[in-house]
Amino acid sequence: MSMFWKKPIRCGDPAWYGLDFAIDDARIPESIRASIAHDYRPGYTLYFANTDEGGEWWLLDEAGDIVEAYWLV
């Protein structure tokens, strides 16, 4: 293993997989909430996706397409 490889930081509970969240939900890490606030538009949905790397937050538009993905580094 490289000395530059960092273990991913978990950014959500695996049990949240597939759930939608309000962008101001306190369970969302603060740094991710701040980033989402910049990209959010009315009608968008925030979704948590559990991954082996610690999870991702996906911002989806009205059509269900991914606008942006967020995670902790």
PDB file of N, CA and C in Angstrom:
ATOM      1  N   MET A   1       0.851  -1.171   0.000  1.00  0.00           N
ATOM      2  CA  MET A   1       0.000   0.000   0.000  1.00  0.00           C
ATOM      3  C   MET A   1       0.897   1.233   0.000  1.00  0.00           C
ATOM      4  N   SER A   2       0.534   2.186  -0.813  1.00  0.00           N
ATOM      5  CA  SER A   2       1.295   3.432  -0.905  1.00  0.00           C
ATOM      6  C   SER A   2       1.143   4.244   0.365  1.00  0.00           C
ATOM      7  N   MET A   3       2.202   4.955   0.720  1.00  0.00           N
ATOM      8  CA  MET A   3       2.106   5.813   1.903  1.00  0.00           C
ATOM      9  C   MET A   3       1.215   7.021   1.639  1.00  0.00           C
ATOM     10  N   PHE A   4       0.832   7.232   0.376  1.00  0.00           N
ATOM     11  CA  PHE A   4      -0.025   8.361   0.027  1.00  0.00           C
ATOM     12  C   PHE A   4      -1.502   7.989   0.012  1.00  0.00           C
ATOM     13  N   TRP A   5      -1.802   6.705   0.147  1.00  0.00           N
ATOM     14  CA  TRP A   5      -3.190   6.254   0.137  1.00  0.00           C
ATOM     15  C   TRP A   5      -3.798   6.460   1.512  1.00  0.00           C
ATOM     16  N   LYS A   6      -4.884   7.213   1.558  1.00  0.00           N
ATOM     17  CA  LYS A   6      -5.599   7.421   2.811  1.00  0.00           C
ATOM     18  C   LYS A   6      -6.865   6.587   2.809  1.00  0.00           C
ATOM     19  N   LYS A   7      -7.203   6.050   3.952  1.00  0.00           N
ATOM     20  CA  LYS A   7      -8.460   5.328   4.083  1.00  0.00           C
ATOM     21  C   LYS A   7      -9.604   6.321   3.877  1.00  0.00           C
ATOM     22  N   PRO A   8     -10.604   5.952   3.066  1.00  0.00           N
ATOM     23  CA  PRO A   8     -11.736   6.856   2.848  1.00  0.00           C
ATOM     24  C   PRO A   8     -12.446   7.194   4.158  1.00  0.00           C
ATOM     25  N   ILE A   9     -12.994   8.380   4.210  1.00  0.00           N
ATOM     26  CA  ILE A   9     -13.752   8.838   5.373  1.00  0.00           C
ATOM     27  C   ILE A   9     -15.225   8.543   5.123  1.00  0.00           C
ATOM     28  N   ARG A  10     -15.864   7.850   6.064  1.00  0.00           N
ATOM     29  CA  ARG A  10     -17.294   7.558   5.926  1.00  0.00           C
ATOM     30  C   ARG A  10     -18.079   8.850   6.085  1.00  0.00           C
ATOM     31  N   CYS A  11     -18.988   9.115   5.142  1.00  0.00           N
ATOM     32  CA  CYS A  11     -19.755  10.360   5.183  1.00  0.00           C
ATOM     33  C   CYS A  11     -21.249  10.126   5.364  1.00  0.00           C
ATOM     34  N   GLY A  12     -21.632   8.914   5.744  1.00  0.00           N
ATOM     35  CA  GLY A  12     -23.034   8.622   5.989  1.00  0.00           C
ATOM     36  C   GLY A  12     -23.203   7.192   6.465  1.00  0.00           C
ATOM     37  N   ASP A  13     -24.337   6.923   7.049  1.00  0.00           N
ATOM     38  CA  ASP A  13     -24.657   5.596   7.569  1.00  0.00           C
ATOM     39  C   ASP A  13     -25.066   4.684   6.410  1.00  0.00           C
ATOM     40  N   PRO A  14     -24.490   3.483   6.300  1.00  0.00           N
ATOM     41  CA  PRO A  14     -24.891   2.570   5.221  1.00  0.00           C
ATOM     42  C   PRO A  14     -26.401   2.305   5.190  1.00  0.00           C
ATOM     43  N   ALA A  15     -27.067   2.405   6.331  1.00  0.00           N
ATOM     44  CA  ALA A  15     -28.518   2.189   6.387  1.00  0.00           C
ATOM     45  C   ALA A  15     -29.291   3.280   5.644  1.00  0.00           C
ATOM     46  N   TRP A  16     -28.645   4.394   5.327  1.00  0.00           N
ATOM     47  CA  TRP A  16     -29.302   5.493   4.607  1.00  0.00           C
ATOM     48  C   TRP A  16     -29.339   5.267   3.103  1.00  0.00           C
ATOM     49  N   TYR A  17     -28.713   4.185   2.636  1.00  0.00           N
ATOM     50  CA  TYR A  17     -28.616   3.934   1.198  1.00  0.00           C
ATOM     51  C   TYR A  17     -29.992   4.015   0.540  1.00  0.00           C
ATOM     52  N   GLY A  18     -30.090   4.853  -0.484  1.00  0.00           N
ATOM     53  CA  GLY A  18     -31.334   4.979  -1.238  1.00  0.00           C
ATOM     54  C   GLY A  18     -32.311   5.992  -0.693  1.00  0.00           C
ATOM     55  N   LEU A  19     -31.997   6.618   0.435  1.00  0.00           N
ATOM     56  CA  LEU A  19     -32.913   7.596   1.017  1.00  0.00           C
ATOM     57  C   LEU A  19     -32.671   8.986   0.449  1.00  0.00           C
ATOM     58  N   ASP A  20     -33.755   9.759   0.345  1.00  0.00           N
ATOM     59  CA  ASP A  20     -33.673  11.164  -0.041  1.00  0.00           C
ATOM     60  C   ASP A  20     -33.556  12.006   1.217  1.00  0.00           C
ATOM     61  N   PHE A  21     -32.831  13.113   1.131  1.00  0.00           N
ATOM     62  CA  PHE A  21     -32.615  14.001   2.268  1.00  0.00           C
ATOM     63  C   PHE A  21     -32.896  15.439   1.876  1.00  0.00           C
ATOM     64  N   ALA A  22     -33.404  16.222   2.830  1.00  0.00           N
ATOM     65  CA  ALA A  22     -33.490  17.671   2.658  1.00  0.00           C
ATOM     66  C   ALA A  22     -32.067  18.214   2.736  1.00  0.00           C
ATOM     67  N   ILE A  23     -31.771  19.283   1.994  1.00  0.00           N
ATOM     68  CA  ILE A  23     -30.385  19.761   1.954  1.00  0.00           C
ATOM     69  C   ILE A  23     -29.916  20.343   3.279  1.00  0.00           C
ATOM     70  N   ASP A  24     -30.848  20.648   4.180  1.00  0.00           N
ATOM     71  CA  ASP A  24     -30.452  21.188   5.482  1.00  0.00           C
ATOM     72  C   ASP A  24     -30.481  20.131   6.591  1.00  0.00           C
ATOM     73  N   ASP A  25     -30.588  18.861   6.222  1.00  0.00           N
ATOM     74  CA  ASP A  25     -30.636  17.773   7.203  1.00  0.00           C
ATOM     75  C   ASP A  25     -29.325  17.722   7.992  1.00  0.00           C
ATOM     76  N   ALA A  26     -29.423  17.684   9.301  1.00  0.00           N
ATOM     77  CA  ALA A  26     -28.245  17.707  10.180  1.00  0.00           C
ATOM     78  C   ALA A  26     -27.379  16.452  10.060  1.00  0.00           C
ATOM     79  N   ARG A  27     -27.906  15.386   9.475  1.00  0.00           N
ATOM     80  CA  ARG A  27     -27.109  14.166   9.313  1.00  0.00           C
ATOM     81  C   ARG A  27     -26.070  14.292   8.192  1.00  0.00           C
ATOM     82  N   ILE A  28     -26.245  15.255   7.331  1.00  0.00           N
ATOM     83  CA  ILE A  28     -25.298  15.474   6.235  1.00  0.00           C
ATOM     84  C   ILE A  28     -24.100  16.236   6.790  1.00  0.00           C
ATOM     85  N   PRO A  29     -22.876  15.766   6.548  1.00  0.00           N
ATOM     86  CA  PRO A  29     -21.703  16.492   7.046  1.00  0.00           C
ATOM     87  C   PRO A  29     -21.714  17.955   6.592  1.00  0.00           C
ATOM     88  N   GLU A  30     -21.308  18.848   7.484  1.00  0.00           N
ATOM     89  CA  GLU A  30     -21.379  20.289   7.232  1.00  0.00           C
ATOM     90  C   GLU A  30     -20.685  20.704   5.939  1.00  0.00           C
ATOM     91  N   SER A  31     -19.501  20.180   5.680  1.00  0.00           N
ATOM     92  CA  SER A  31     -18.783  20.585   4.464  1.00  0.00           C
ATOM     93  C   SER A  31     -19.532  20.162   3.201  1.00  0.00           C
ATOM     94  N   ILE A  32     -20.212  19.042   3.264  1.00  0.00           N
ATOM     95  CA  ILE A  32     -21.005  18.592   2.121  1.00  0.00           C
ATOM     96  C   ILE A  32     -22.251  19.452   1.986  1.00  0.00           C
ATOM     97  N   ARG A  33     -22.900  19.783   3.101  1.00  0.00           N
ATOM     98  CA  ARG A  33     -24.075  20.672   3.037  1.00  0.00           C
ATOM     99  C   ARG A  33     -23.724  22.008   2.403  1.00  0.00           C
ATOM    100  N   ALA A  34     -22.561  22.545   2.752  1.00  0.00           N
ATOM    101  CA  ALA A  34     -22.134  23.834   2.192  1.00  0.00           C
ATOM    102  C   ALA A  34     -21.933  23.728   0.681  1.00  0.00           C
ATOM    103  N   SER A  35     -21.339  22.650   0.227  1.00  0.00           N
ATOM    104  CA  SER A  35     -21.137  22.461  -1.215  1.00  0.00           C
ATOM    105  C   SER A  35     -22.461  22.273  -1.943  1.00  0.00           C
ATOM    106  N   ILE A  36     -23.356  21.509  -1.345  1.00  0.00           N
ATOM    107  CA  ILE A  36     -24.657  21.259  -1.955  1.00  0.00           C
ATOM    108  C   ILE A  36     -25.444  22.559  -2.078  1.00  0.00           C
ATOM    109  N   ALA A  37     -25.383  23.405  -1.070  1.00  0.00           N
ATOM    110  CA  ALA A  37     -26.128  24.669  -1.087  1.00  0.00           C
ATOM    111  C   ALA A  37     -25.749  25.514  -2.298  1.00  0.00           C
ATOM    112  N   HIS A  38     -24.513  25.417  -2.737  1.00  0.00           N
ATOM    113  CA  HIS A  38     -24.048  26.180  -3.901  1.00  0.00           C
ATOM    114  C   HIS A  38     -24.679  25.667  -5.198  1.00  0.00           C
ATOM    115  N   ASP A  39     -24.906  24.353  -5.300  1.00  0.00           N
ATOM    116  CA  ASP A  39     -25.385  23.729  -6.536  1.00  0.00           C
ATOM    117  C   ASP A  39     -26.888  23.474  -6.571  1.00  0.00           C
ATOM    118  N   TYR A  40     -27.540  23.538  -5.426  1.00  0.00           N
ATOM    119  CA  TYR A  40     -28.953  23.164  -5.314  1.00  0.00           C
ATOM    120  C   TYR A  40     -29.870  24.136  -6.053  1.00  0.00           C
ATOM    121  N   ARG A  41     -30.901  23.590  -6.685  1.00  0.00           N
ATOM    122  CA  ARG A  41     -31.975  24.362  -7.309  1.00  0.00           C
ATOM    123  C   ARG A  41     -33.299  23.735  -6.874  1.00  0.00           C
ATOM    124  N   PRO A  42     -34.372  24.533  -6.807  1.00  0.00           N
ATOM    125  CA  PRO A  42     -35.679  23.958  -6.453  1.00  0.00           C
ATOM    126  C   PRO A  42     -36.026  22.788  -7.381  1.00  0.00           C
ATOM    127  N   GLY A  43     -36.546  21.733  -6.787  1.00  0.00           N
ATOM    128  CA  GLY A  43     -36.906  20.537  -7.535  1.00  0.00           C
ATOM    129  C   GLY A  43     -35.825  19.467  -7.542  1.00  0.00           C
ATOM    130  N   TYR A  44     -34.619  19.804  -7.094  1.00  0.00           N
ATOM    131  CA  TYR A  44     -33.532  18.833  -7.018  1.00  0.00           C
ATOM    132  C   TYR A  44     -33.739  17.925  -5.810  1.00  0.00           C
ATOM    133  N   THR A  45     -33.175  16.726  -5.876  1.00  0.00           N
ATOM    134  CA  THR A  45     -33.258  15.743  -4.808  1.00  0.00           C
ATOM    135  C   THR A  45     -31.847  15.368  -4.370  1.00  0.00           C
ATOM    136  N   LEU A  46     -31.660  15.209  -3.064  1.00  0.00           N
ATOM    137  CA  LEU A  46     -30.384  14.758  -2.522  1.00  0.00           C
ATOM    138  C   LEU A  46     -30.544  13.312  -2.061  1.00  0.00           C
ATOM    139  N   TYR A  47     -29.631  12.460  -2.484  1.00  0.00           N
ATOM    140  CA  TYR A  47     -29.725  11.018  -2.299  1.00  0.00           C
ATOM    141  C   TYR A  47     -28.399  10.513  -1.732  1.00  0.00           C
ATOM    142  N   PHE A  48     -28.458   9.590  -0.778  1.00  0.00           N
ATOM    143  CA  PHE A  48     -27.228   8.985  -0.258  1.00  0.00           C
ATOM    144  C   PHE A  48     -26.995   7.641  -0.924  1.00  0.00           C
ATOM    145  N   ALA A  49     -25.773   7.439  -1.414  1.00  0.00           N
ATOM    146  CA  ALA A  49     -25.373   6.164  -2.016  1.00  0.00           C
ATOM    147  C   ALA A  49     -24.242   5.577  -1.186  1.00  0.00           C
ATOM    148  N   ASN A  50     -24.459   4.415  -0.612  1.00  0.00           N
ATOM    149  CA  ASN A  50     -23.407   3.754   0.162  1.00  0.00           C
ATOM    150  C   ASN A  50     -22.392   3.142  -0.799  1.00  0.00           C
ATOM    151  N   THR A  51     -21.116   3.330  -0.514  1.00  0.00           N
ATOM    152  CA  THR A  51     -20.044   2.758  -1.334  1.00  0.00           C
ATOM    153  C   THR A  51     -18.971   2.174  -0.423  1.00  0.00           C
ATOM    154  N   ASP A  52     -18.120   1.344  -0.978  1.00  0.00           N
ATOM    155  CA  ASP A  52     -16.991   0.801  -0.216  1.00  0.00           C
ATOM    156  C   ASP A  52     -16.025   1.899   0.200  1.00  0.00           C
ATOM    157  N   GLU A  53     -16.055   3.021  -0.520  1.00  0.00           N
ATOM    158  CA  GLU A  53     -15.149   4.134  -0.229  1.00  0.00           C
ATOM    159  C   GLU A  53     -15.688   5.068   0.846  1.00  0.00           C
ATOM    160  N   GLY A  54     -16.842   4.781   1.420  1.00  0.00           N
ATOM    161  CA  GLY A  54     -17.352   5.594   2.514  1.00  0.00           C
ATOM    162  C   GLY A  54     -18.668   6.285   2.254  1.00  0.00           C
ATOM    163  N   GLY A  55     -19.178   6.175   1.053  1.00  0.00           N
ATOM    164  CA  GLY A  55     -20.466   6.771   0.725  1.00  0.00           C
ATOM    165  C   GLY A  55     -20.318   8.053  -0.071  1.00  0.00           C
ATOM    166  N   GLU A  56     -21.368   8.355  -0.829  1.00  0.00           N
ATOM    167  CA  GLU A  56     -21.426   9.578  -1.621  1.00  0.00           C
ATOM    168  C   GLU A  56     -22.813  10.178  -1.486  1.00  0.00           C
ATOM    169  N   TRP A  57     -22.878  11.469  -1.573  1.00  0.00           N
ATOM    170  CA  TRP A  57     -24.139  12.194  -1.632  1.00  0.00           C
ATOM    171  C   TRP A  57     -24.329  12.637  -3.075  1.00  0.00           C
ATOM    172  N   TRP A  58     -25.475  12.297  -3.669  1.00  0.00           N
ATOM    173  CA  TRP A  58     -25.748  12.630  -5.063  1.00  0.00           C
ATOM    174  C   TRP A  58     -26.853  13.666  -5.116  1.00  0.00           C
ATOM    175  N   LEU A  59     -26.605  14.742  -5.838  1.00  0.00           N
ATOM    176  CA  LEU A  59     -27.617  15.755  -6.101  1.00  0.00           C
ATOM    177  C   LEU A  59     -28.192  15.457  -7.479  1.00  0.00           C
ATOM    178  N   LEU A  60     -29.493  15.200  -7.525  1.00  0.00           N
ATOM    179  CA  LEU A  60     -30.170  14.832  -8.767  1.00  0.00           C
ATOM    180  C   LEU A  60     -31.096  15.949  -9.207  1.00  0.00           C
ATOM    181  N   ASP A  61     -31.175  16.180 -10.521  1.00  0.00           N
ATOM    182  CA  ASP A  61     -32.091  17.198 -11.030  1.00  0.00           C
ATOM    183  C   ASP A  61     -33.500  16.619 -11.147  1.00  0.00           C
ATOM    184  N   GLU A  62     -34.419  17.418 -11.688  1.00  0.00           N
ATOM    185  CA  GLU A  62     -35.819  16.999 -11.786  1.00  0.00           C
ATOM    186  C   GLU A  62     -35.997  15.743 -12.628  1.00  0.00           C
ATOM    187  N   ALA A  63     -35.107  15.519 -13.590  1.00  0.00           N
ATOM    188  CA  ALA A  63     -35.188  14.352 -14.463  1.00  0.00           C
ATOM    189  C   ALA A  63     -34.520  13.121 -13.849  1.00  0.00           C
ATOM    190  N   GLY A  64     -33.888  13.289 -12.680  1.00  0.00           N
ATOM    191  CA  GLY A  64     -33.201  12.178 -12.029  1.00  0.00           C
ATOM    192  C   GLY A  64     -31.762  11.994 -12.473  1.00  0.00           C
ATOM    193  N   ASP A  65     -31.243  12.968 -13.219  1.00  0.00           N
ATOM    194  CA  ASP A  65     -29.845  12.917 -13.652  1.00  0.00           C
ATOM    195  C   ASP A  65     -28.943  13.502 -12.572  1.00  0.00           C
ATOM    196  N   ILE A  66     -27.745  12.949 -12.433  1.00  0.00           N
ATOM    197  CA  ILE A  66     -26.805  13.438 -11.418  1.00  0.00           C
ATOM    198  C   ILE A  66     -26.253  14.794 -11.837  1.00  0.00           C
ATOM    199  N   VAL A  67     -26.424  15.771 -10.948  1.00  0.00           N
ATOM    200  CA  VAL A  67     -25.852  17.099 -11.140  1.00  0.00           C
ATOM    201  C   VAL A  67     -24.425  17.094 -10.610  1.00  0.00           C
ATOM    202  N   GLU A  68     -24.264  16.525  -9.403  1.00  0.00           N
ATOM    203  CA  GLU A  68     -22.951  16.488  -8.752  1.00  0.00           C
ATOM    204  C   GLU A  68     -22.959  15.391  -7.693  1.00  0.00           C
ATOM    205  N   ALA A  69     -21.778  14.855  -7.394  1.00  0.00           N
ATOM    206  CA  ALA A  69     -21.594  13.893  -6.310  1.00  0.00           C
ATOM    207  C   ALA A  69     -20.631  14.505  -5.306  1.00  0.00           C
ATOM    208  N   TYR A  70     -20.867  14.237  -4.024  1.00  0.00           N
ATOM    209  CA  TYR A  70     -20.061  14.827  -2.949  1.00  0.00           C
ATOM    210  C   TYR A  70     -19.607  13.725  -2.005  1.00  0.00           C
ATOM    211  N   TRP A  71     -18.415  13.859  -1.460  1.00  0.00           N
ATOM    212  CA  TRP A  71     -17.884  12.936  -0.464  1.00  0.00           C
ATOM    213  C   TRP A  71     -16.834  13.662   0.345  1.00  0.00           C
ATOM    214  N   LEU A  72     -16.452  13.062   1.469  1.00  0.00           N
ATOM    215  CA  LEU A  72     -15.423  13.654   2.324  1.00  0.00           C
ATOM    216  C   LEU A  72     -14.052  13.176   1.880  1.00  0.00           C
ATOM    217  N   VAL A  73     -13.083  14.061   1.965  1.00  0.00           N
ATOM    218  CA  VAL A  73     -11.700  13.700   1.623  1.00  0.00           C
ATOM    219  C   VAL A  73     -10.802  13.961   2.799  1.00  0.00           C
TER     220      VAL A  73
END
